[in-house]
């Protein structure tokens, strides 16, 4: 049960982080060394995929 809860929390964090990346400006992404295309590719991943 503990492992399942941990996995679920990790999956939620991945989902949330991917949504936050999508909301960043081009300047923010450039500062992080990311392109909009990289962010889109990451955001398209299902929440269970690392």
Protein backbone atom coordinates (compact mmCIF):
# COMPACT_ATOMS: atom_id res chain seq x y z
CA UNK A 1 0.00 0.00 0.00
CA UNK A 2 2.81 2.40 0.88
CA UNK A 3 4.53 1.76 -2.46
CA UNK A 4 1.31 2.40 -4.37
CA UNK A 5 0.76 5.71 -2.58
CA UNK A 6 4.35 6.75 -3.23
CA UNK A 7 3.99 5.91 -6.93
CA UNK A 8 0.73 7.86 -7.12
CA UNK A 9 2.29 10.93 -5.51
CA UNK A 10 5.27 10.74 -7.88
CA UNK A 11 2.94 10.43 -10.88
CA UNK A 12 0.95 13.46 -9.72
CA UNK A 13 4.16 15.50 -9.35
CA UNK A 14 5.24 14.58 -12.89
CA UNK A 15 1.82 15.60 -14.22
CA UNK A 16 1.91 18.90 -12.31
CA UNK A 17 5.48 19.71 -13.34
CA UNK A 18 4.66 19.06 -16.99
CA UNK A 19 1.66 21.41 -16.80
CA UNK A 20 3.79 24.11 -15.18
CA UNK A 21 6.40 23.79 -17.93
CA UNK A 22 3.68 24.35 -20.53
CA UNK A 23 2.70 27.62 -18.85
CA UNK A 24 6.22 29.08 -18.84
CA UNK A 25 7.19 31.89 -21.17
CA UNK A 26 9.71 31.49 -23.96
CA UNK A 27 12.16 33.51 -21.90
CA UNK A 28 11.75 31.22 -18.87
CA UNK A 29 12.31 28.17 -21.05
CA UNK A 30 15.36 29.73 -22.70
CA UNK A 31 16.81 30.49 -19.24
CA UNK A 32 16.39 26.81 -18.40
CA UNK A 33 17.89 25.69 -21.70
CA UNK A 34 14.64 24.23 -23.02
CA UNK A 35 12.76 24.74 -26.25
CA UNK A 36 8.99 24.85 -26.65
CA UNK A 37 9.24 21.65 -28.70
CA UNK A 38 11.01 19.85 -25.84
CA UNK A 39 8.33 21.01 -23.43
CA UNK A 40 5.54 19.84 -25.74
CA UNK A 41 7.17 16.44 -26.10
CA UNK A 42 7.48 16.14 -22.32
CA UNK A 43 3.93 17.35 -21.70
CA UNK A 44 2.51 14.79 -24.13
CA UNK A 45 3.85 11.91 -22.04
CA UNK A 46 1.26 10.10 -19.94
CA UNK A 47 1.55 10.75 -16.20
CA UNK A 48 2.82 7.23 -15.52
CA UNK A 49 5.77 7.58 -17.89
CA UNK A 50 9.00 8.96 -16.43
